[in-house]
Amino acid sequence: MTEEIAQNWQSWTGFAIVAGVAVGVVIAIAIVVSVSLALIGRRKRWAGQLHDRVRWPLRITLVLLALTVSLSALPVSEDLRGGLQHLFGIVVIIAGAWLLAQLFLFFVDSGSQRYRLVESDTFSARKIRTQLQIVRRLVIVVIVVVAAGGILMTFDAVRAVGASVLASAGIASIVAGLAAQSVLSNLFAGVQLAFSEAIRVGDVVVVEGEYGRIEEITLSYVVLELWDQRTLVLPCTYFTTHPFENWTKLGRALLGTVFFDLDWRVPVDQMRRELDRILTETELWDRAAHGVQVTDAVGGMLQVRVLVSADDSGRLWDLRCLVREKLAEWVRTTHPEALPLQRVRIDEKPIDAAIVRE
């Protein structure tokens, strides 16, 4: 009895030593990594951000790996040891996926910080931000799917089912493919939108008669923030199968028009000078383009088109409203004779009744 107790004590002592050494080694590695990143973080901001991202995932993953390795020295029955190793293997896969995801998110977020819309609203900034947004979601999905597959494959029953499915990839695979067709087409449409640059985060678009800004692009849907603060959500396949207007595809600067129906007596040259005065007094105009043209003369009136430009769609809308208001006031107060009139000619000569009868 005493000898058996001594053997058990030695076995547990050996396990404790193995586990202690393994955990001590990984703790030392974690400390070295943390201290190195902290020292580099004093000079480089990215090192501090990386340390904050991976500190706990790295520690937990290393400790779990150490414990998994030390289980081989655990003085218990073979079945119990196998069950514990299986359990720890699953937990290690989860922790490793967490660590890998945090590393990837660090690199993606570091790239996104260089192209924030609040700091840079250029064409390249919006393009890169859109692509990073899609790649971020896509890789996270891949990591989760691979981790889930790795966990399932640790079970013997699942491995057997997987082998049989691969061996008989016939009608069942076709049915599954048809069932997932809509999901996969939406997924591929999201990736296509990210890299075809048809739309980008921050683009101003008109969809289904609704004017709005692209707020978010995911793997399956696109979120539009409409001008009246409503939100419109559309599947990615909509933008690959339906026509839509993208006002900022080639740049954010836009041209806008204001139309006036005025009398023939309107002084167009003076109207041009008044437009120049209005535009020079406002910061909404980007000083790229402006003009006044008579585009039509029918129905007893002249149609005058005023052309203006602005840096973005919001400023253009405000500028058009301002020009319309100021020029309407100018016409009303300075040249009331230019207000639209309907001319009617009354012929006082009596009509011959005989002609009417004929």
Protein backbone atom coordinates (compact mmCIF):
# COMPACT_ATOMS: atom_id res chain seq x y z
CA MET A 1 0.00 0.00 0.00
CA THR A 2 2.77 2.37 0.96
CA GLU A 3 4.65 1.48 -2.23
CA GLU A 4 1.54 2.17 -4.37
CA ILE A 5 1.07 5.56 -2.71
CA ALA A 6 4.73 6.35 -3.31
CA GLN A 7 4.39 5.42 -7.00
CA ASN A 8 1.28 7.57 -7.38
CA TRP A 9 3.05 10.41 -5.63
CA GLN A 10 6.00 10.10 -7.98
CA SER A 11 3.68 9.97 -11.00
CA TRP A 12 1.79 13.08 -9.95
CA THR A 13 5.05 14.78 -9.03
CA GLY A 14 6.41 13.99 -12.48
CA PHE A 15 3.28 15.35 -14.11
CA ALA A 16 3.49 18.51 -12.00
CA ILE A 17 7.12 18.98 -13.00
CA VAL A 18 6.37 18.48 -16.70
CA ALA A 19 3.35 20.78 -16.56
CA GLY A 20 5.25 23.38 -14.52
CA VAL A 21 8.18 23.40 -16.92
CA ALA A 22 5.92 23.63 -19.97
CA VAL A 23 3.81 26.41 -18.49
CA GLY A 24 6.93 28.21 -17.27
CA VAL A 25 8.46 28.12 -20.74
CA VAL A 26 5.37 29.52 -22.43
CA ILE A 27 4.97 32.19 -19.74
CA ALA A 28 8.58 33.20 -20.32
CA ILE A 29 7.92 33.39 -24.07
CA ALA A 30 4.80 35.48 -23.47
CA ILE A 31 6.71 37.84 -21.16
CA VAL A 32 9.52 38.27 -23.69
CA VAL A 33 7.04 39.04 -26.46
CA SER A 34 5.07 41.48 -24.28
CA VAL A 35 8.18 43.31 -23.06
CA SER A 36 9.59 43.52 -26.60
CA LEU A 37 6.35 44.96 -27.97
CA ALA A 38 6.10 47.37 -25.04
CA LEU A 39 9.64 48.65 -25.65
CA ILE A 40 9.06 49.01 -29.37
CA GLY A 41 5.70 50.64 -28.63
CA ARG A 42 7.49 53.59 -27.05
CA ARG A 43 8.79 54.52 -30.49
CA LYS A 44 6.29 52.84 -32.78
CA ARG A 45 2.58 53.18 -32.21
CA TRP A 46 1.76 49.98 -34.08
CA ALA A 47 3.69 47.85 -31.58
CA GLY A 48 1.54 49.05 -28.70
CA GLN A 49 -1.62 48.38 -30.68
CA LEU A 50 -0.38 44.88 -31.58
CA HIS A 51 0.41 44.20 -27.92
CA ASP A 52 -3.12 45.18 -26.91
CA ARG A 53 -4.58 42.96 -29.61
CA VAL A 54 -2.69 39.71 -29.05
CA ARG A 55 -1.72 39.87 -25.37
CA TRP A 56 -4.47 37.64 -23.96
CA PRO A 57 -5.05 35.41 -27.03
CA LEU A 58 -1.31 34.65 -27.14
CA ARG A 59 -1.04 33.90 -23.42
CA ILE A 60 -4.11 31.67 -23.36
CA THR A 61 -3.06 29.78 -26.50
CA LEU A 62 0.46 29.14 -25.21
CA VAL A 63 -0.74 27.98 -21.79
CA LEU A 64 -3.27 25.62 -23.38
CA LEU A 65 -0.58 24.20 -25.66
CA ALA A 66 1.68 23.62 -22.67
CA LEU A 67 -1.06 21.85 -20.74
CA THR A 68 -1.95 19.74 -23.78
CA VAL A 69 1.66 18.60 -24.14
CA SER A 70 1.95 17.82 -20.43
CA LEU A 71 -1.19 15.63 -20.47
CA SER A 72 0.90 12.76 -21.80
CA ALA A 73 2.47 12.49 -18.33
CA LEU A 74 -0.85 12.60 -16.49
CA PRO A 75 -1.14 9.49 -14.24
CA VAL A 76 -4.74 8.54 -15.07
CA SER A 77 -6.45 5.88 -17.14
CA GLU A 78 -5.92 5.83 -20.88
CA ASP A 79 -9.56 6.64 -21.64
CA LEU A 80 -9.61 9.64 -19.31
CA ARG A 81 -6.31 10.92 -20.69
CA GLY A 82 -7.61 10.57 -24.24
CA GLY A 83 -10.79 12.45 -23.37
CA LEU A 84 -8.83 15.27 -21.74
CA GLN A 85 -6.46 15.50 -24.70
CA HIS A 86 -9.44 15.66 -27.05
CA LEU A 87 -11.04 18.41 -24.97
CA PHE A 88 -7.83 20.42 -24.74
CA GLY A 89 -7.28 19.96 -28.48
CA ILE A 90 -10.65 21.55 -29.20
CA VAL A 91 -9.92 24.44 -26.84
CA VAL A 92 -6.50 24.95 -28.46
CA ILE A 93 -8.13 25.17 -31.90
CA ILE A 94 -10.57 27.81 -30.61
CA ALA A 95 -7.78 29.81 -28.94
CA GLY A 96 -5.59 29.55 -32.03
CA ALA A 97 -8.43 30.80 -34.24
CA TRP A 98 -8.93 33.70 -31.82
CA LEU A 99 -5.23 34.57 -31.96
CA LEU A 100 -5.12 34.32 -35.75
CA ALA A 101 -8.23 36.50 -36.09
CA GLN A 102 -6.77 39.15 -33.79
CA LEU A 103 -3.53 39.22 -35.76
CA PHE A 104 -5.39 39.62 -39.02
CA LEU A 105 -7.70 42.32 -37.61
CA PHE A 106 -4.66 44.23 -36.41
CA PHE A 107 -3.19 44.39 -39.91
CA VAL A 108 -6.53 45.31 -41.48
CA ASP A 109 -7.30 48.01 -38.91
CA SER A 110 -3.78 49.42 -39.26
CA GLY A 111 -4.39 49.80 -42.98
CA SER A 112 -7.84 51.28 -42.43
CA GLN A 113 -6.47 53.98 -40.13
CA ARG A 114 -4.53 55.41 -43.04
CA TYR A 115 -7.67 55.78 -45.11
CA ARG A 116 -10.26 57.05 -42.67
CA LEU A 117 -12.97 59.08 -44.42
CA VAL A 118 -12.80 61.74 -41.72
CA GLU A 119 -9.17 62.41 -42.62
CA SER A 120 -9.05 61.62 -46.31
CA ASP A 121 -12.04 61.44 -48.63
CA THR A 122 -10.12 60.80 -51.82
CA PHE A 123 -10.83 58.21 -54.49
CA SER A 124 -8.02 55.89 -53.37
CA ALA A 125 -8.96 56.18 -49.69
CA ARG A 126 -12.55 55.09 -50.31
CA LYS A 127 -11.43 52.29 -52.62
CA ILE A 128 -8.95 50.84 -50.12
CA ARG A 129 -11.37 51.17 -47.24
CA THR A 130 -14.08 49.30 -49.14
CA GLN A 131 -11.73 46.47 -50.09
CA LEU A 132 -10.37 46.15 -46.56
CA GLN A 133 -13.90 46.04 -45.20
CA ILE A 134 -14.83 43.12 -47.47
CA VAL A 135 -11.53 41.26 -46.97
CA ARG A 136 -11.87 41.62 -43.20
CA ARG A 137 -15.26 39.93 -43.15
CA LEU A 138 -14.25 37.30 -45.68
CA VAL A 139 -11.14 36.20 -43.79
CA ILE A 140 -12.99 36.12 -40.46
CA VAL A 141 -15.60 33.85 -42.04
CA VAL A 142 -12.84 31.62 -43.43
CA ILE A 143 -11.11 31.41 -40.03
CA VAL A 144 -14.37 30.50 -38.28
CA VAL A 145 -15.26 27.89 -40.90
CA VAL A 146 -11.79 26.32 -40.82
CA ALA A 147 -11.76 26.28 -37.01
CA ALA A 148 -15.23 24.71 -36.90
CA GLY A 149 -14.15 22.14 -39.47
CA GLY A 150 -11.01 21.36 -37.48
CA ILE A 151 -13.06 20.84 -34.30
CA LEU A 152 -15.53 18.57 -36.06
CA MET A 153 -12.76 16.51 -37.63
CA THR A 154 -11.43 15.65 -34.16
CA PHE A 155 -14.45 13.37 -33.76
CA ASP A 156 -14.12 9.93 -35.33
CA ALA A 157 -17.79 9.80 -36.33
CA VAL A 158 -17.55 13.10 -38.20
CA ARG A 159 -14.41 11.97 -40.03
CA ALA A 160 -16.21 8.83 -41.15
CA VAL A 161 -19.19 10.83 -42.39
CA GLY A 162 -16.89 13.23 -44.19
CA ALA A 163 -15.10 10.42 -45.96
CA SER A 164 -18.38 8.87 -47.09
CA VAL A 165 -19.66 12.21 -48.36
CA LEU A 166 -16.49 12.81 -50.34
CA ALA A 167 -16.69 9.32 -51.75
CA SER A 168 -20.30 9.73 -52.89
CA ALA A 169 -20.39 13.29 -54.21
CA GLY A 170 -23.38 12.78 -56.46
CA ILE A 171 -27.00 13.88 -56.28
CA ALA A 172 -26.69 15.06 -52.67
CA SER A 173 -23.90 17.51 -53.57
CA ILE A 174 -25.93 18.84 -56.51
CA VAL A 175 -28.98 19.40 -54.30
CA ALA A 176 -26.85 21.14 -51.68
CA GLY A 177 -25.28 23.31 -54.35
CA LEU A 178 -28.66 24.38 -55.68
CA ALA A 179 -29.89 25.13 -52.17
CA ALA A 180 -26.86 27.33 -51.47
CA GLN A 181 -26.90 29.02 -54.87
CA SER A 182 -28.53 32.24 -53.70
CA VAL A 183 -26.27 32.50 -50.67
CA LEU A 184 -23.12 31.88 -52.69
CA SER A 185 -24.16 34.24 -55.48
CA ASN A 186 -24.69 36.98 -52.91
CA LEU A 187 -21.32 36.21 -51.35
CA PHE A 188 -19.51 36.38 -54.69
CA ALA A 189 -21.40 39.56 -55.56
CA GLY A 190 -20.07 41.19 -52.37
CA VAL A 191 -16.50 40.26 -53.27
CA GLN A 192 -17.06 41.47 -56.84
CA LEU A 193 -18.31 44.85 -55.62
CA ALA A 194 -15.24 45.29 -53.44
CA PHE A 195 -12.72 44.74 -56.22
CA SER A 196 -14.61 45.95 -59.29
CA GLU A 197 -14.94 49.42 -57.68
CA ALA A 198 -18.49 49.81 -58.95
CA ILE A 199 -19.31 51.25 -55.54
CA ARG A 200 -17.15 52.21 -52.58
CA VAL A 201 -17.82 53.20 -49.00
CA GLY A 202 -18.73 56.89 -49.06
CA ASP A 203 -19.99 56.94 -52.66
CA VAL A 204 -23.15 58.92 -53.38
CA VAL A 205 -25.63 56.83 -55.37
CA VAL A 206 -29.22 56.94 -56.57
CA VAL A 207 -30.96 53.58 -56.22
CA GLU A 208 -34.66 52.95 -56.85
CA GLY A 209 -35.17 56.71 -56.97
CA GLU A 210 -33.56 57.12 -53.53
CA TYR A 211 -30.55 59.39 -53.04
CA GLY A 212 -28.04 58.28 -50.41
CA ARG A 213 -24.48 57.50 -49.39
CA ILE A 214 -22.90 54.04 -49.17
CA GLU A 215 -22.40 53.48 -45.45
CA GLU A 216 -21.33 49.84 -45.34
CA ILE A 217 -20.58 46.98 -47.74
CA THR A 218 -20.69 43.46 -46.34
CA LEU A 219 -20.39 40.05 -47.97
CA SER A 220 -24.16 39.80 -48.42
CA TYR A 221 -25.73 43.27 -48.35
CA VAL A 222 -25.07 46.99 -48.84
CA VAL A 223 -26.27 49.65 -46.41
CA LEU A 224 -27.25 53.09 -47.77
CA GLU A 225 -27.77 56.12 -45.56
CA LEU A 226 -30.45 58.16 -47.30
CA TRP A 227 -30.59 61.95 -47.29
CA ASP A 228 -33.45 62.00 -44.76
CA GLN A 229 -31.50 59.74 -42.33
CA ARG A 230 -33.40 56.61 -43.31
CA THR A 231 -31.44 53.41 -43.98
CA LEU A 232 -31.87 51.34 -47.13
CA VAL A 233 -30.47 47.79 -47.11
CA LEU A 234 -30.04 45.99 -50.44
CA PRO A 235 -28.50 42.61 -51.30
CA CYS A 236 -25.15 42.73 -53.06
CA THR A 237 -26.65 41.00 -56.08
CA TYR A 238 -28.83 44.07 -56.68
CA PHE A 239 -25.79 46.15 -57.67
CA THR A 240 -24.55 43.47 -60.07
CA THR A 241 -27.90 42.92 -61.79
CA HIS A 242 -29.61 46.35 -61.80
CA PRO A 243 -28.55 49.75 -63.15
CA PHE A 244 -27.93 52.53 -60.64
CA GLU A 245 -26.38 55.99 -60.55
CA ASN A 246 -23.00 56.54 -58.89
CA TRP A 247 -22.39 60.26 -58.64
CA THR A 248 -18.87 59.93 -57.22
CA LYS A 249 -17.44 57.09 -59.32
CA LEU A 250 -14.71 59.27 -60.85
CA GLY A 251 -14.54 61.95 -58.16
CA ARG A 252 -16.57 63.86 -55.65
CA ALA A 253 -16.82 67.16 -57.56
CA LEU A 254 -20.23 67.54 -59.20
CA LEU A 255 -22.09 69.86 -61.55
CA GLY A 256 -25.62 71.03 -60.86
CA THR A 257 -28.21 73.10 -62.68
CA VAL A 258 -30.97 75.53 -61.77
CA PHE A 259 -33.68 76.34 -64.34
CA PHE A 260 -35.74 79.53 -64.65
CA ASP A 261 -38.69 80.19 -66.95
CA LEU A 262 -38.53 83.95 -67.59
CA ASP A 263 -39.93 86.56 -69.91
CA TRP A 264 -38.14 87.47 -73.13
CA ARG A 265 -37.15 90.81 -71.61
CA VAL A 266 -34.79 89.25 -69.03
CA PRO A 267 -31.26 90.78 -69.22
CA VAL A 268 -29.16 87.63 -69.50
CA ASP A 269 -25.80 89.46 -69.29
CA GLN A 270 -26.82 91.15 -66.04
CA MET A 271 -28.02 87.77 -64.75
CA ARG A 272 -24.53 86.36 -65.41
CA ARG A 273 -22.94 89.18 -63.43
CA GLU A 274 -25.37 88.62 -60.56
CA LEU A 275 -24.49 84.91 -60.54
CA ASP A 276 -20.79 85.81 -60.34
CA ARG A 277 -21.49 88.02 -57.33
CA ILE A 278 -23.54 85.33 -55.56
CA LEU A 279 -20.90 82.64 -56.09
CA THR A 280 -17.97 84.75 -54.94
CA GLU A 281 -19.76 85.46 -51.66
CA THR A 282 -20.34 81.81 -50.72
CA GLU A 283 -17.98 79.01 -49.68
CA LEU A 284 -20.24 76.36 -51.20
CA TRP A 285 -18.89 77.00 -54.71
CA ASP A 286 -15.62 75.22 -55.56
CA ARG A 287 -14.72 77.77 -58.30
CA ALA A 288 -14.49 75.04 -60.93
CA ALA A 289 -17.43 75.85 -63.20
CA HIS A 290 -20.37 78.21 -63.55
CA GLY A 291 -22.45 79.74 -66.30
CA VAL A 292 -25.79 81.09 -67.50
CA GLN A 293 -27.28 79.90 -70.79
CA VAL A 294 -30.60 80.23 -72.58
CA THR A 295 -31.46 76.62 -73.37
CA ASP A 296 -34.96 76.99 -74.82
CA ALA A 297 -37.43 79.60 -76.10
CA VAL A 298 -40.93 78.18 -76.42
CA GLY A 299 -44.36 79.01 -75.08
CA GLY A 300 -43.64 82.71 -74.93
CA MET A 301 -40.85 82.30 -72.35
CA LEU A 302 -37.10 81.81 -72.22
CA GLN A 303 -35.70 78.86 -70.31
CA VAL A 304 -32.50 79.97 -68.57
CA ARG A 305 -30.15 77.33 -67.21
CA VAL A 306 -27.71 78.22 -64.44
CA LEU A 307 -24.73 75.86 -64.08
CA VAL A 308 -22.72 75.61 -60.82
CA SER A 309 -20.23 73.17 -59.30
CA ALA A 310 -19.34 72.03 -55.78
CA ASP A 311 -16.97 69.66 -53.99
CA ASP A 312 -19.60 67.09 -53.04
CA SER A 313 -23.29 66.32 -53.40
CA GLY A 314 -24.33 67.88 -50.10
CA ARG A 315 -22.68 71.22 -50.83
CA LEU A 316 -24.01 71.13 -54.39
CA TRP A 317 -27.59 70.78 -53.15
CA ASP A 318 -27.16 73.71 -50.77
CA LEU A 319 -25.52 75.79 -53.51
CA ARG A 320 -28.34 75.13 -55.98
CA CYS A 321 -30.93 76.15 -53.40
CA LEU A 322 -28.95 79.31 -52.60
CA VAL A 323 -28.57 80.31 -56.26
CA ARG A 324 -32.25 79.65 -56.95
CA GLU A 325 -33.30 81.77 -53.99
CA LYS A 326 -30.92 84.68 -54.68
CA LEU A 327 -31.59 84.88 -58.43
CA ALA A 328 -35.35 84.65 -57.92
CA GLU A 329 -35.14 87.54 -55.46
CA TRP A 330 -32.93 89.49 -57.89
CA VAL A 331 -35.40 89.05 -60.76
CA ARG A 332 -38.37 89.98 -58.58
CA THR A 333 -36.84 93.16 -57.13
CA THR A 334 -34.52 94.38 -59.90
CA HIS A 335 -36.19 93.22 -63.11
CA PRO A 336 -39.86 92.53 -62.46
CA GLU A 337 -40.50 92.83 -66.17
CA ALA A 338 -38.61 89.55 -66.59
CA LEU A 339 -41.13 87.64 -64.52
CA PRO A 340 -42.98 85.07 -66.65
CA LEU A 341 -46.03 86.49 -68.42
CA GLN A 342 -48.77 85.02 -70.59
CA ARG A 343 -49.49 87.26 -73.59
CA VAL A 344 -52.99 87.13 -75.05
CA ARG A 345 -54.02 88.97 -78.22
CA ILE A 346 -57.68 90.01 -78.45
CA ASP A 347 -58.95 90.64 -81.96
CA GLU A 348 -61.83 93.15 -81.78
CA LYS A 349 -62.85 92.66 -85.41
CA PRO A 350 -66.23 90.85 -85.52
CA ILE A 351 -66.29 87.47 -87.12
CA ASP A 352 -68.53 87.08 -90.13
CA ALA A 353 -71.35 84.66 -89.26
CA ALA A 354 -71.40 83.32 -92.80
CA ILE A 355 -67.76 82.31 -92.50
CA VAL A 356 -68.49 80.54 -89.23
CA ARG A 357 -71.39 78.60 -90.81
CA GLU A 358 -69.15 77.49 -93.61
